[in-house]
């Protein structure tokens, strides 16, 4: 019974240390501006759309449909280029 209590106590201390470390990392990370958050959201939206189009393209069999999806993919890639890379959070 004593060993079990020590195990639980040990785990609780580990959890507290991990929580403190996570909080410290969150505080050290630079806050994003509203514009950066908006760009990040737009980029995530575009990446999701791109993944869907790529998946649809892999399954497409009709040439006209493939052409349409390829155009959509090119359009999304152009928009991603405009949005630029994600902000560096390190």
C-alpha atoms as a PDB file:
ATOM      1  CA  UNK A   1       0.000   0.000   0.000  1.00  0.00           C
ATOM      2  CA  UNK A   2       2.845   2.405   0.800  1.00  0.00           C
ATOM      3  CA  UNK A   3       4.457   1.785  -2.580  1.00  0.00           C
ATOM      4  CA  UNK A   4       1.228   2.567  -4.377  1.00  0.00           C
ATOM      5  CA  UNK A   5       0.891   5.866  -2.512  1.00  0.00           C
ATOM      6  CA  UNK A   6       4.449   6.813  -3.425  1.00  0.00           C
ATOM      7  CA  UNK A   7       3.787   5.956  -7.054  1.00  0.00           C
ATOM      8  CA  UNK A   8       0.741   8.190  -7.163  1.00  0.00           C
ATOM      9  CA  UNK A   9       2.592  10.973  -5.358  1.00  0.00           C
ATOM     10  CA  UNK A  10       5.478  10.657  -7.789  1.00  0.00           C
ATOM     11  CA  UNK A  11       3.106  10.816 -10.769  1.00  0.00           C
ATOM     12  CA  UNK A  12       1.402  13.907  -9.332  1.00  0.00           C
ATOM     13  CA  UNK A  13       4.761  15.656  -8.981  1.00  0.00           C
ATOM     14  CA  UNK A  14       5.675  14.721 -12.576  1.00  0.00           C
ATOM     15  CA  UNK A  15       2.343  16.122 -13.767  1.00  0.00           C
ATOM     16  CA  UNK A  16       2.933  19.375 -11.878  1.00  0.00           C
ATOM     17  CA  UNK A  17       6.415  19.724 -13.362  1.00  0.00           C
ATOM     18  CA  UNK A  18       5.089  19.042 -16.876  1.00  0.00           C
ATOM     19  CA  UNK A  19       2.267  21.572 -16.402  1.00  0.00           C
ATOM     20  CA  UNK A  20       4.710  24.215 -15.169  1.00  0.00           C
ATOM     21  CA  UNK A  21       6.999  23.599 -18.158  1.00  0.00           C
ATOM     22  CA  UNK A  22       4.083  23.855 -20.604  1.00  0.00           C
ATOM     23  CA  UNK A  23       2.965  27.116 -18.988  1.00  0.00           C
ATOM     24  CA  UNK A  24       6.499  28.515 -19.192  1.00  0.00           C
ATOM     25  CA  UNK A  25       6.720  27.654 -22.890  1.00  0.00           C
ATOM     26  CA  UNK A  26       3.344  29.293 -23.518  1.00  0.00           C
ATOM     27  CA  UNK A  27       4.472  32.482 -21.791  1.00  0.00           C
ATOM     28  CA  UNK A  28       7.727  32.571 -23.765  1.00  0.00           C
ATOM     29  CA  UNK A  29       5.986  32.107 -27.122  1.00  0.00           C
ATOM     30  CA  UNK A  30       5.364  35.464 -28.762  1.00  0.00           C
ATOM     31  CA  UNK A  31       1.716  36.443 -28.992  1.00  0.00           C
ATOM     32  CA  UNK A  32       0.308  36.657 -32.478  1.00  0.00           C
ATOM     33  CA  UNK A  33      -1.261  39.886 -33.626  1.00  0.00           C
ATOM     34  CA  UNK A  34      -4.826  39.867 -34.912  1.00  0.00           C
ATOM     35  CA  UNK A  35      -3.496  40.037 -38.480  1.00  0.00           C
ATOM     36  CA  UNK A  36      -1.141  37.102 -37.854  1.00  0.00           C
ATOM     37  CA  UNK A  37      -3.984  35.062 -36.355  1.00  0.00           C
ATOM     38  CA  UNK A  38      -6.152  35.877 -39.361  1.00  0.00           C
ATOM     39  CA  UNK A  39      -3.383  34.854 -41.772  1.00  0.00           C
ATOM     40  CA  UNK A  40      -2.794  31.658 -39.821  1.00  0.00           C
ATOM     41  CA  UNK A  41      -6.511  30.831 -39.987  1.00  0.00           C
ATOM     42  CA  UNK A  42      -6.596  31.570 -43.712  1.00  0.00           C
ATOM     43  CA  UNK A  43      -3.528  29.411 -44.286  1.00  0.00           C
ATOM     44  CA  UNK A  44      -5.051  26.518 -42.302  1.00  0.00           C
ATOM     45  CA  UNK A  45      -8.270  26.865 -44.311  1.00  0.00           C
ATOM     46  CA  UNK A  46      -6.324  26.767 -47.568  1.00  0.00           C
ATOM     47  CA  UNK A  47      -4.313  23.740 -46.458  1.00  0.00           C
ATOM     48  CA  UNK A  48      -7.508  21.867 -45.608  1.00  0.00           C
ATOM     49  CA  UNK A  49      -9.005  22.781 -48.964  1.00  0.00           C
ATOM     50  CA  UNK A  50      -5.814  21.697 -50.689  1.00  0.00           C
ATOM     51  CA  UNK A  51      -5.838  18.326 -48.926  1.00  0.00           C
ATOM     52  CA  UNK A  52      -9.447  17.763 -50.031  1.00  0.00           C
ATOM     53  CA  UNK A  53      -8.692  18.665 -53.648  1.00  0.00           C
ATOM     54  CA  UNK A  54      -5.598  16.412 -53.698  1.00  0.00           C
ATOM     55  CA  UNK A  55      -7.693  13.558 -52.305  1.00  0.00           C
ATOM     56  CA  UNK A  56     -10.445  14.168 -54.863  1.00  0.00           C
ATOM     57  CA  UNK A  57      -7.857  14.364 -57.634  1.00  0.00           C
ATOM     58  CA  UNK A  58      -6.409  11.001 -56.650  1.00  0.00           C
ATOM     59  CA  UNK A  59      -9.872   9.453 -56.943  1.00  0.00           C
ATOM     60  CA  UNK A  60     -10.996  11.319 -60.086  1.00  0.00           C
ATOM     61  CA  UNK A  61     -11.359   9.227 -63.230  1.00  0.00           C
ATOM     62  CA  UNK A  62     -13.048  11.579 -65.689  1.00  0.00           C
ATOM     63  CA  UNK A  63     -10.617  13.855 -67.559  1.00  0.00           C
ATOM     64  CA  UNK A  64     -12.834  16.972 -67.322  1.00  0.00           C
ATOM     65  CA  UNK A  65     -13.176  16.499 -63.583  1.00  0.00           C
ATOM     66  CA  UNK A  66      -9.409  16.002 -63.203  1.00  0.00           C
ATOM     67  CA  UNK A  67      -8.768  19.194 -65.181  1.00  0.00           C
ATOM     68  CA  UNK A  68     -11.138  21.139 -62.960  1.00  0.00           C
ATOM     69  CA  UNK A  69      -9.464  19.782 -59.813  1.00  0.00           C
ATOM     70  CA  UNK A  70      -5.992  20.579 -61.180  1.00  0.00           C
ATOM     71  CA  UNK A  71      -7.093  24.175 -61.786  1.00  0.00           C
ATOM     72  CA  UNK A  72      -8.528  24.353 -58.281  1.00  0.00           C
ATOM     73  CA  UNK A  73      -5.248  23.027 -56.889  1.00  0.00           C
ATOM     74  CA  UNK A  74      -3.241  25.611 -58.822  1.00  0.00           C
ATOM     75  CA  UNK A  75      -5.544  28.358 -57.520  1.00  0.00           C
ATOM     76  CA  UNK A  76      -5.159  27.194 -53.921  1.00  0.00           C
ATOM     77  CA  UNK A  77      -1.372  26.975 -54.306  1.00  0.00           C
ATOM     78  CA  UNK A  78      -1.314  30.542 -55.642  1.00  0.00           C
ATOM     79  CA  UNK A  79      -3.341  31.713 -52.646  1.00  0.00           C
ATOM     80  CA  UNK A  80      -0.959  29.897 -50.291  1.00  0.00           C
ATOM     81  CA  UNK A  81       1.940  31.707 -51.939  1.00  0.00           C
ATOM     82  CA  UNK A  82       0.167  35.028 -51.338  1.00  0.00           C
ATOM     83  CA  UNK A  83      -0.477  34.192 -47.673  1.00  0.00           C
ATOM     84  CA  UNK A  84       3.163  33.190 -47.237  1.00  0.00           C
ATOM     85  CA  UNK A  85       4.748  30.849 -44.733  1.00  0.00           C
ATOM     86  CA  UNK A  86       3.332  30.446 -41.240  1.00  0.00           C
ATOM     87  CA  UNK A  87       4.729  32.844 -38.613  1.00  0.00           C
ATOM     88  CA  UNK A  88       7.794  31.560 -36.781  1.00  0.00           C
ATOM     89  CA  UNK A  89       6.838  30.780 -33.190  1.00  0.00           C
ATOM     90  CA  UNK A  90      10.284  29.837 -31.908  1.00  0.00           C
END
